[in-house]
Amino acid sequence: MSLQFDEGTYTVTRRTDSIQLLAKEFALFHFLYENKEKAFTRSQLLDSVWPLEYPVERTVDDHVYRLRKKLKHWEEVSLDTVRGYGYRLTIRTNMAALPANPSEHDLEMREVIHGLFRKYHLFGQGKSMLTLFNQQDALGIQVDSFYQLYIHFIQGNLEWLMTTEEFPFEERLYWLLIFVHALIEPAESLHLYEQALNSPALSADQLRELRILNIVEVYAEVGQYRRAKAQLVETYRVIETDHLVNFKLPVSLSELYVELWGGSGERVEEQMSMLRSSLKDAPYLREIGRFQVMEGLWLLRQGRAREAEPRIDDGLDVLKMTLNAPLYINSANQILLFMAHHRIEGRLIHKYRQVYAEIAKEYGVPMYGQRITNEVRAYLSPFPPASDLPLI
């Protein structure tokens, strides 16, 4: 179901039916609609809808109560209470009652739309992807199952990823595994990654990506610098052999991360110089945010904490803007891992612990993180680690 929001009159329209709302009712409903299927605490809703104001949590309850009354004749709209947590907006569609959209079966239109998804994915434009995803009905297209999963993944919708019955657990495993990396110690993360490389649940593309990209940074975090470097050599070979052009920047960033952990200052500077040049030609938000964080880590490693802090903060702000929750959470976690490795104490370690805790809370990690970790462990437990397998 598609709704139109008129900010000038606080009116919401469904086809020919309109509902007049008060200003904050409109703002709350608009926010929840843009984040459909995602649960929010009352505190999160207060921060998003009532910024710079100081209402109590009861304010949210009162507005939800009034919205439910005004929206009750729209049966597809459900403002659900998530027990012990907060609220979530659900949109149900009765497909049998809707007329067929002619463009839904047009292959050329479908390819155009999916081409946009691929471009937005490449550029790290999470908000653009979400906008396109939420307008499927209006555009008359049905998004491929990959992007249905991926959208929930980048939104950080842990509840959906953990509980949905639309996809079997095996199809969600890879995405859950990427989240788990930021929730556990690197040594255990490496163990799970190596078990996953022996799991039949992952597709060939997922196995390749896990091995040539995701696992490289974990090698660095557990102190296996030489193994990380050896894998990078093989990774670049695979990129050339399989023509994985879009992997070059992410892998270059992983190489910089490895050098920050175990390489010489000269190697770090060389890699940073190369990346600065590459990012001028390919200004992808996701990669820019990661690079800025790593610039800050390099400054920290040099003992230049005063210069490092604003650079790290800028990088985290860019990553937040991309709406890529797993990358945002993982980057905040990597800052802490790096500071612990280099024994950086004092105000900054306390600050970034708090930053990580706030980000984790925003995406429901305290509620779902342990459950996800346990489920991934349990599923992978029958598979031995692939640590003794040769590099690809």
Protein backbone atom coordinates (compact mmCIF):
# COMPACT_ATOMS: atom_id res chain seq x y z
CA MET A 1 0.00 0.00 0.00
CA SER A 2 1.34 3.42 -0.96
CA LEU A 3 0.57 6.58 1.03
CA GLN A 4 1.15 10.22 0.10
CA PHE A 5 2.17 12.68 2.84
CA ASP A 6 1.44 16.40 2.47
CA GLU A 7 3.66 18.25 4.95
CA GLY A 8 1.92 21.55 4.27
CA THR A 9 -1.49 20.38 5.48
CA TYR A 10 -0.50 17.37 7.64
CA THR A 11 -2.67 15.22 5.40
CA VAL A 12 -2.09 11.56 4.57
CA THR A 13 -3.76 10.19 1.44
CA ARG A 14 -4.47 6.62 0.41
CA ARG A 15 -5.80 6.55 -3.15
CA THR A 16 -8.80 8.94 -2.88
CA ASP A 17 -9.16 8.80 0.92
CA SER A 18 -7.40 11.43 3.06
CA ILE A 19 -6.90 11.80 6.80
CA GLN A 20 -6.10 15.07 8.54
CA LEU A 21 -3.58 14.78 11.39
CA LEU A 22 -2.07 17.11 13.95
CA ALA A 23 1.55 18.17 13.40
CA LYS A 24 3.21 15.67 15.73
CA GLU A 25 0.80 12.88 14.77
CA PHE A 26 1.80 13.51 11.17
CA ALA A 27 5.53 13.55 12.02
CA LEU A 28 5.28 10.33 14.04
CA PHE A 29 3.27 8.51 11.39
CA HIS A 30 5.58 9.71 8.59
CA PHE A 31 8.67 8.53 10.49
CA LEU A 32 7.19 5.10 11.18
CA TYR A 33 6.01 4.77 7.58
CA GLU A 34 9.51 5.49 6.28
CA ASN A 35 10.79 2.78 8.62
CA LYS A 36 8.06 0.19 8.16
CA GLU A 37 8.45 -3.15 9.93
CA LYS A 38 11.17 -1.74 12.20
CA ALA A 39 10.55 -1.55 15.95
CA PHE A 40 11.48 1.60 17.89
CA THR A 41 11.65 2.29 21.60
CA ARG A 42 9.75 5.26 23.00
CA SER A 43 13.08 7.02 23.59
CA GLN A 44 14.09 6.55 19.95
CA LEU A 45 10.75 7.94 18.78
CA LEU A 46 11.09 10.93 21.11
CA ASP A 47 14.57 11.65 19.71
CA SER A 48 13.36 11.39 16.11
CA VAL A 49 9.99 13.16 16.30
CA TRP A 50 10.48 15.53 19.23
CA PRO A 51 14.11 16.71 18.85
CA LEU A 52 15.16 19.55 21.14
CA GLU A 53 11.94 19.07 23.10
CA TYR A 54 11.51 17.38 26.45
CA PRO A 55 8.28 15.39 26.46
CA VAL A 56 7.86 12.26 28.56
CA GLU A 57 7.51 8.75 27.13
CA ARG A 58 3.77 8.93 27.80
CA THR A 59 3.62 11.49 24.98
CA VAL A 60 4.45 8.74 22.50
CA ASP A 61 1.74 6.47 23.91
CA ASP A 62 -0.86 9.25 23.64
CA HIS A 63 0.03 10.00 20.03
CA VAL A 64 -0.02 6.31 19.10
CA TYR A 65 -3.45 5.98 20.70
CA ARG A 66 -4.82 8.92 18.66
CA LEU A 67 -3.21 7.68 15.45
CA ARG A 68 -4.78 4.26 15.88
CA LYS A 69 -8.22 5.83 16.19
CA LYS A 70 -7.77 7.97 13.08
CA LEU A 71 -6.30 5.14 10.99
CA LYS A 72 -8.62 2.35 12.12
CA HIS A 73 -10.65 2.25 8.87
CA TRP A 74 -7.45 1.61 6.90
CA GLU A 75 -7.28 -2.09 7.64
CA GLU A 76 -3.90 -2.53 5.94
CA VAL A 77 -2.24 -0.22 8.49
CA SER A 78 -1.30 -1.69 11.86
CA LEU A 79 0.48 0.29 14.57
CA ASP A 80 1.72 -2.61 16.69
CA THR A 81 2.96 -2.61 20.26
CA VAL A 82 6.18 -4.58 20.63
CA ARG A 83 5.89 -5.87 24.17
CA GLY A 84 8.65 -4.66 26.44
CA TYR A 85 10.22 -2.54 23.68
CA GLY A 86 8.07 0.02 21.86
CA TYR A 87 6.13 0.36 18.60
CA ARG A 88 6.29 -0.76 14.97
CA LEU A 89 4.25 0.13 11.87
CA THR A 90 3.15 -2.79 9.70
CA ILE A 91 1.55 -2.45 6.27
CA ARG A 92 -0.44 -5.44 5.08
CA THR A 93 -1.39 -5.71 1.42
CA ASN A 94 -4.32 -7.71 0.11
CA MET A 95 -2.90 -8.52 -3.30
CA ALA A 96 -6.09 -10.23 -4.45
CA ALA A 97 -7.99 -6.97 -4.06
CA LEU A 98 -5.54 -4.92 -6.12
CA PRO A 99 -5.75 -4.56 -9.90
CA ALA A 100 -2.75 -5.81 -11.83
CA ASN A 101 -0.14 -3.16 -12.59
CA PRO A 102 0.87 -3.38 -16.28
CA SER A 103 4.53 -2.57 -15.60
CA GLU A 104 4.86 -5.42 -13.11
CA HIS A 105 5.44 -7.91 -15.91
CA ASP A 106 7.46 -5.64 -18.19
CA LEU A 107 10.97 -7.09 -18.32
CA GLU A 108 12.55 -3.86 -19.55
CA MET A 109 11.03 -1.87 -16.67
CA ARG A 110 12.11 -4.55 -14.20
CA GLU A 111 15.71 -4.38 -15.42
CA VAL A 112 15.72 -0.57 -15.21
CA ILE A 113 14.53 -0.64 -11.60
CA HIS A 114 16.99 -3.34 -10.60
CA GLY A 115 19.74 -1.37 -12.34
CA LEU A 116 18.91 1.53 -10.03
CA PHE A 117 19.14 -0.79 -7.03
CA ARG A 118 22.55 -1.95 -8.15
CA LYS A 119 23.78 1.63 -8.61
CA TYR A 120 22.45 2.78 -5.24
CA HIS A 121 24.02 -0.31 -3.67
CA LEU A 122 27.37 0.52 -5.30
CA PHE A 123 27.27 4.18 -4.20
CA GLY A 124 26.25 3.30 -0.63
CA GLN A 125 23.00 5.25 -0.93
CA GLY A 126 20.92 3.34 1.57
CA LYS A 127 18.19 5.98 1.77
CA SER A 128 17.72 5.89 -2.01
CA MET A 129 17.41 2.10 -1.90
CA LEU A 130 14.83 2.32 0.87
CA THR A 131 12.81 4.91 -1.05
CA LEU A 132 12.77 2.70 -4.13
CA PHE A 133 11.93 -0.38 -2.09
CA ASN A 134 9.01 1.37 -0.37
CA GLN A 135 7.54 2.50 -3.70
CA GLN A 136 7.20 -0.96 -5.26
CA ASP A 137 3.42 -0.72 -5.48
CA ALA A 138 3.46 2.71 -7.11
CA LEU A 139 6.18 1.67 -9.57
CA GLY A 140 4.53 -1.63 -10.37
CA ILE A 141 7.57 -3.78 -9.74
CA GLN A 142 8.46 -6.60 -7.40
CA VAL A 143 11.97 -6.47 -5.97
CA ASP A 144 14.14 -9.57 -6.24
CA SER A 145 14.46 -11.68 -3.11
CA PHE A 146 18.12 -10.63 -2.73
CA TYR A 147 17.14 -7.00 -2.23
CA GLN A 148 14.21 -7.90 0.01
CA LEU A 149 16.73 -9.50 2.36
CA TYR A 150 19.40 -6.88 1.78
CA ILE A 151 17.10 -3.95 2.60
CA HIS A 152 16.26 -5.43 6.01
CA PHE A 153 19.96 -6.16 6.49
CA ILE A 154 21.18 -2.60 5.88
CA GLN A 155 18.30 -1.21 7.95
CA GLY A 156 19.56 -3.22 10.90
CA ASN A 157 16.15 -4.80 11.28
CA LEU A 158 17.40 -7.54 13.59
CA GLU A 159 13.95 -8.56 14.73
CA TRP A 160 12.82 -9.24 11.14
CA LEU A 161 16.07 -11.01 10.21
CA MET A 162 15.72 -13.23 13.27
CA THR A 163 12.00 -14.01 13.19
CA THR A 164 10.75 -13.71 9.60
CA GLU A 165 9.19 -16.74 8.00
CA GLU A 166 9.45 -15.28 4.48
CA PHE A 167 12.94 -16.76 4.10
CA PRO A 168 14.41 -19.90 5.68
CA PHE A 169 17.21 -19.46 8.19
CA GLU A 170 19.78 -20.75 5.69
CA GLU A 171 19.05 -17.81 3.36
CA ARG A 172 19.44 -15.36 6.23
CA LEU A 173 22.59 -16.95 7.67
CA TYR A 174 25.14 -14.90 5.74
CA TRP A 175 23.55 -11.57 6.70
CA LEU A 176 23.21 -12.60 10.35
CA LEU A 177 26.82 -13.75 10.36
CA ILE A 178 28.01 -10.31 9.22
CA PHE A 179 26.13 -8.72 12.13
CA VAL A 180 27.56 -11.18 14.63
CA HIS A 181 31.11 -10.03 13.87
CA ALA A 182 30.45 -6.77 15.73
CA LEU A 183 28.88 -8.54 18.73
CA ILE A 184 31.57 -11.06 19.76
CA GLU A 185 35.32 -11.28 20.21
CA PRO A 186 37.37 -11.47 16.97
CA ALA A 187 38.72 -14.95 17.78
CA GLU A 188 35.21 -16.37 17.99
CA SER A 189 34.14 -14.42 14.93
CA LEU A 190 37.02 -15.99 12.98
CA HIS A 191 35.96 -19.45 14.21
CA LEU A 192 32.39 -18.88 12.97
CA TYR A 193 33.57 -17.50 9.63
CA GLU A 194 35.76 -20.55 9.10
CA GLN A 195 32.88 -22.85 10.02
CA ALA A 196 30.65 -20.95 7.59
CA LEU A 197 33.14 -21.61 4.79
CA ASN A 198 32.29 -25.31 5.23
CA SER A 199 28.55 -24.70 5.45
CA PRO A 200 26.31 -25.73 2.54
CA ALA A 201 23.91 -22.89 3.40
CA LEU A 202 25.99 -20.17 1.76
CA SER A 203 25.80 -19.56 -1.97
CA ALA A 204 28.94 -19.61 -4.12
CA ASP A 205 28.95 -15.79 -4.24
CA GLN A 206 28.58 -15.54 -0.47
CA LEU A 207 31.38 -18.04 0.13
CA ARG A 208 33.64 -16.09 -2.21
CA GLU A 209 32.82 -12.74 -0.60
CA LEU A 210 33.31 -14.15 2.90
CA ARG A 211 36.71 -15.53 1.98
CA ILE A 212 38.16 -12.74 -0.18
CA LEU A 213 36.79 -9.79 1.81
CA ASN A 214 35.03 -10.27 5.15
CA ILE A 215 37.51 -12.63 6.78
CA VAL A 216 40.61 -10.55 5.89
CA GLU A 217 39.96 -7.89 8.55
CA VAL A 218 39.25 -10.55 11.18
CA TYR A 219 42.69 -12.08 10.51
CA ALA A 220 44.19 -8.69 11.39
CA GLU A 221 42.10 -8.34 14.54
CA VAL A 222 43.33 -11.68 15.90
CA GLY A 223 46.95 -10.85 15.10
CA GLN A 224 47.33 -13.05 12.00
CA TYR A 225 48.93 -10.27 9.95
CA ARG A 226 50.87 -12.56 7.59
CA ARG A 227 47.80 -14.64 6.86
CA ALA A 228 45.79 -11.50 6.14
CA LYS A 229 48.48 -10.33 3.71
CA ALA A 230 48.62 -13.74 2.01
CA GLN A 231 44.85 -13.76 1.61
CA LEU A 232 44.93 -10.26 0.12
CA VAL A 233 47.31 -11.47 -2.60
CA GLU A 234 44.84 -14.20 -3.48
CA THR A 235 41.92 -11.77 -3.18
CA TYR A 236 43.36 -9.42 -5.81
CA ARG A 237 43.96 -12.40 -8.09
CA VAL A 238 40.31 -13.46 -7.75
CA ILE A 239 39.16 -9.88 -8.43
CA GLU A 240 41.06 -9.88 -11.71
CA THR A 241 40.10 -13.43 -12.69
CA ASP A 242 36.39 -12.99 -11.93
CA HIS A 243 36.25 -9.35 -13.10
CA LEU A 244 34.98 -8.12 -9.71
CA VAL A 245 35.57 -4.44 -10.44
CA ASN A 246 33.30 -3.23 -7.65
CA PHE A 247 35.33 -5.14 -5.06
CA LYS A 248 38.51 -3.13 -5.61
CA LEU A 249 37.69 -0.22 -3.29
CA PRO A 250 36.31 -2.32 -0.41
CA VAL A 251 39.31 -4.65 -0.62
CA SER A 252 41.72 -1.69 -0.71
CA LEU A 253 40.09 -0.43 2.48
CA SER A 254 40.49 -3.87 4.05
CA GLU A 255 44.16 -3.80 3.07
CA LEU A 256 44.53 -0.40 4.77
CA TYR A 257 42.87 -1.81 7.88
CA VAL A 258 45.32 -4.72 7.91
CA GLU A 259 48.29 -2.34 7.57
CA LEU A 260 46.95 -0.20 10.42
CA TRP A 261 47.00 -3.26 12.67
CA GLY A 262 50.30 -4.84 11.67
CA GLY A 263 52.05 -2.90 8.93
CA SER A 264 54.72 -0.23 8.85
CA GLY A 265 53.96 3.46 8.79
CA GLU A 266 55.32 3.62 5.27
CA ARG A 267 52.88 0.94 4.06
CA VAL A 268 49.96 2.74 5.76
CA GLU A 269 50.84 6.04 4.08
CA GLU A 270 51.17 4.37 0.67
CA GLN A 271 47.78 2.72 0.98
CA MET A 272 46.12 5.91 2.22
CA SER A 273 47.56 7.92 -0.67
CA MET A 274 46.26 5.39 -3.18
CA LEU A 275 42.80 5.41 -1.60
CA ARG A 276 42.58 9.19 -1.56
CA SER A 277 43.17 9.18 -5.29
CA SER A 278 40.66 6.36 -5.89
CA LEU A 279 37.93 8.04 -3.83
CA LYS A 280 38.20 11.23 -5.90
CA ASP A 281 37.16 9.21 -8.94
CA ALA A 282 34.63 7.06 -7.05
CA PRO A 283 33.12 9.15 -4.23
CA TYR A 284 31.06 6.37 -2.70
CA LEU A 285 29.64 7.34 0.69
CA ARG A 286 30.17 3.93 2.27
CA GLU A 287 33.87 3.84 1.36
CA ILE A 288 34.42 7.52 2.23
CA GLY A 289 33.01 6.96 5.72
CA ARG A 290 35.23 3.93 6.31
CA PHE A 291 38.29 5.76 5.01
CA GLN A 292 37.70 8.71 7.34
CA VAL A 293 37.42 6.38 10.32
CA MET A 294 40.69 4.71 9.33
CA GLU A 295 42.40 8.06 8.90
CA GLY A 296 41.41 8.72 12.49
CA LEU A 297 42.80 5.35 13.60
CA TRP A 298 46.11 6.16 11.89
CA LEU A 299 46.26 9.46 13.75
CA LEU A 300 45.54 7.60 16.99
CA ARG A 301 48.35 5.15 16.26
CA GLN A 302 50.68 8.15 15.88
CA GLY A 303 49.57 9.56 19.23
CA ARG A 304 47.69 12.47 17.63
CA ALA A 305 44.43 11.94 19.53
CA ARG A 306 43.23 15.55 19.25
CA GLU A 307 43.33 15.36 15.43
CA ALA A 308 42.01 11.79 15.35
CA GLU A 309 38.76 12.41 17.21
CA PRO A 310 37.02 14.76 14.70
CA ARG A 311 38.15 12.54 11.80
CA ILE A 312 36.65 9.44 13.39
CA ASP A 313 33.46 11.32 14.24
CA ASP A 314 33.14 12.58 10.65
CA GLY A 315 33.54 9.02 9.35
CA LEU A 316 30.88 7.68 11.68
CA ASP A 317 28.52 10.49 10.65
CA VAL A 318 28.97 9.58 6.97
CA LEU A 319 28.38 5.90 7.70
CA LYS A 320 25.22 6.78 9.60
CA MET A 321 24.06 8.79 6.59
CA THR A 322 24.46 5.75 4.30
CA LEU A 323 21.82 3.91 6.39
CA ASN A 324 24.05 0.82 6.38
CA ALA A 325 23.49 -0.41 9.93
CA PRO A 326 25.89 -3.41 9.96
CA LEU A 327 28.77 -1.32 8.59
CA TYR A 328 27.97 1.48 11.06
CA ILE A 329 27.91 -0.90 14.04
CA ASN A 330 31.00 -2.79 12.89
CA SER A 331 33.01 0.40 12.37
CA ALA A 332 32.16 1.57 15.89
CA ASN A 333 33.26 -1.83 17.19
CA GLN A 334 36.50 -1.75 15.18
CA ILE A 335 37.40 1.59 16.74
CA LEU A 336 37.21 -0.05 20.18
CA LEU A 337 39.18 -3.11 19.07
CA PHE A 338 41.91 -0.92 17.58
CA MET A 339 42.14 1.29 20.68
CA ALA A 340 42.37 -1.77 22.93
CA HIS A 341 45.07 -3.31 20.71
CA HIS A 342 47.17 -0.13 20.87
CA ARG A 343 46.42 0.38 24.57
CA ILE A 344 44.78 3.77 24.10
CA GLU A 345 43.15 4.74 27.38
CA GLY A 346 41.48 7.79 28.83
CA ARG A 347 38.59 9.92 27.66
CA LEU A 348 38.43 8.65 24.07
CA ILE A 349 38.01 4.98 24.95
CA HIS A 350 35.15 5.89 27.28
CA LYS A 351 33.59 8.10 24.61
CA TYR A 352 33.64 5.44 21.89
CA ARG A 353 32.39 2.75 24.24
CA GLN A 354 29.37 4.97 24.79
CA VAL A 355 29.05 5.63 21.05
CA TYR A 356 29.06 1.89 20.34
CA ALA A 357 26.50 1.24 23.11
CA GLU A 358 24.15 3.92 21.73
CA ILE A 359 24.42 2.60 18.16
CA ALA A 360 23.84 -0.96 19.33
CA LYS A 361 20.79 0.14 21.33
CA GLU A 362 19.41 2.03 18.34
CA TYR A 363 19.28 -1.19 16.31
CA GLY A 364 18.00 -3.46 19.06
CA VAL A 365 21.25 -5.31 19.74
CA PRO A 366 20.53 -5.62 23.51
CA MET A 367 17.26 -7.37 22.68
CA TYR A 368 18.22 -9.53 19.68
CA GLY A 369 22.03 -9.64 19.56
CA GLN A 370 22.55 -12.58 21.89
CA ARG A 371 19.72 -14.54 20.34
CA ILE A 372 21.15 -14.06 16.85
CA THR A 373 24.62 -15.06 18.03
CA ASN A 374 23.29 -18.22 19.68
CA GLU A 375 21.29 -19.18 16.58
CA VAL A 376 24.30 -18.73 14.28
CA ARG A 377 26.53 -20.72 16.65
CA ALA A 378 23.99 -23.52 16.87
CA TYR A 379 23.52 -23.75 13.12
CA LEU A 380 27.26 -23.78 12.36
CA SER A 381 28.25 -26.11 15.22
CA PRO A 382 28.21 -29.32 13.07
CA PHE A 383 30.68 -27.85 10.57
CA PRO A 384 34.44 -27.95 11.31
CA PRO A 385 36.44 -24.75 10.82
CA ALA A 386 38.02 -24.34 7.43
CA SER A 387 41.30 -23.07 8.90
CA ASP A 388 43.26 -25.98 7.49
CA LEU A 389 41.92 -25.54 3.98
CA PRO A 390 44.27 -23.96 1.43
CA LEU A 391 43.73 -20.34 0.45
CA ILE A 392 41.48 -20.00 -2.61
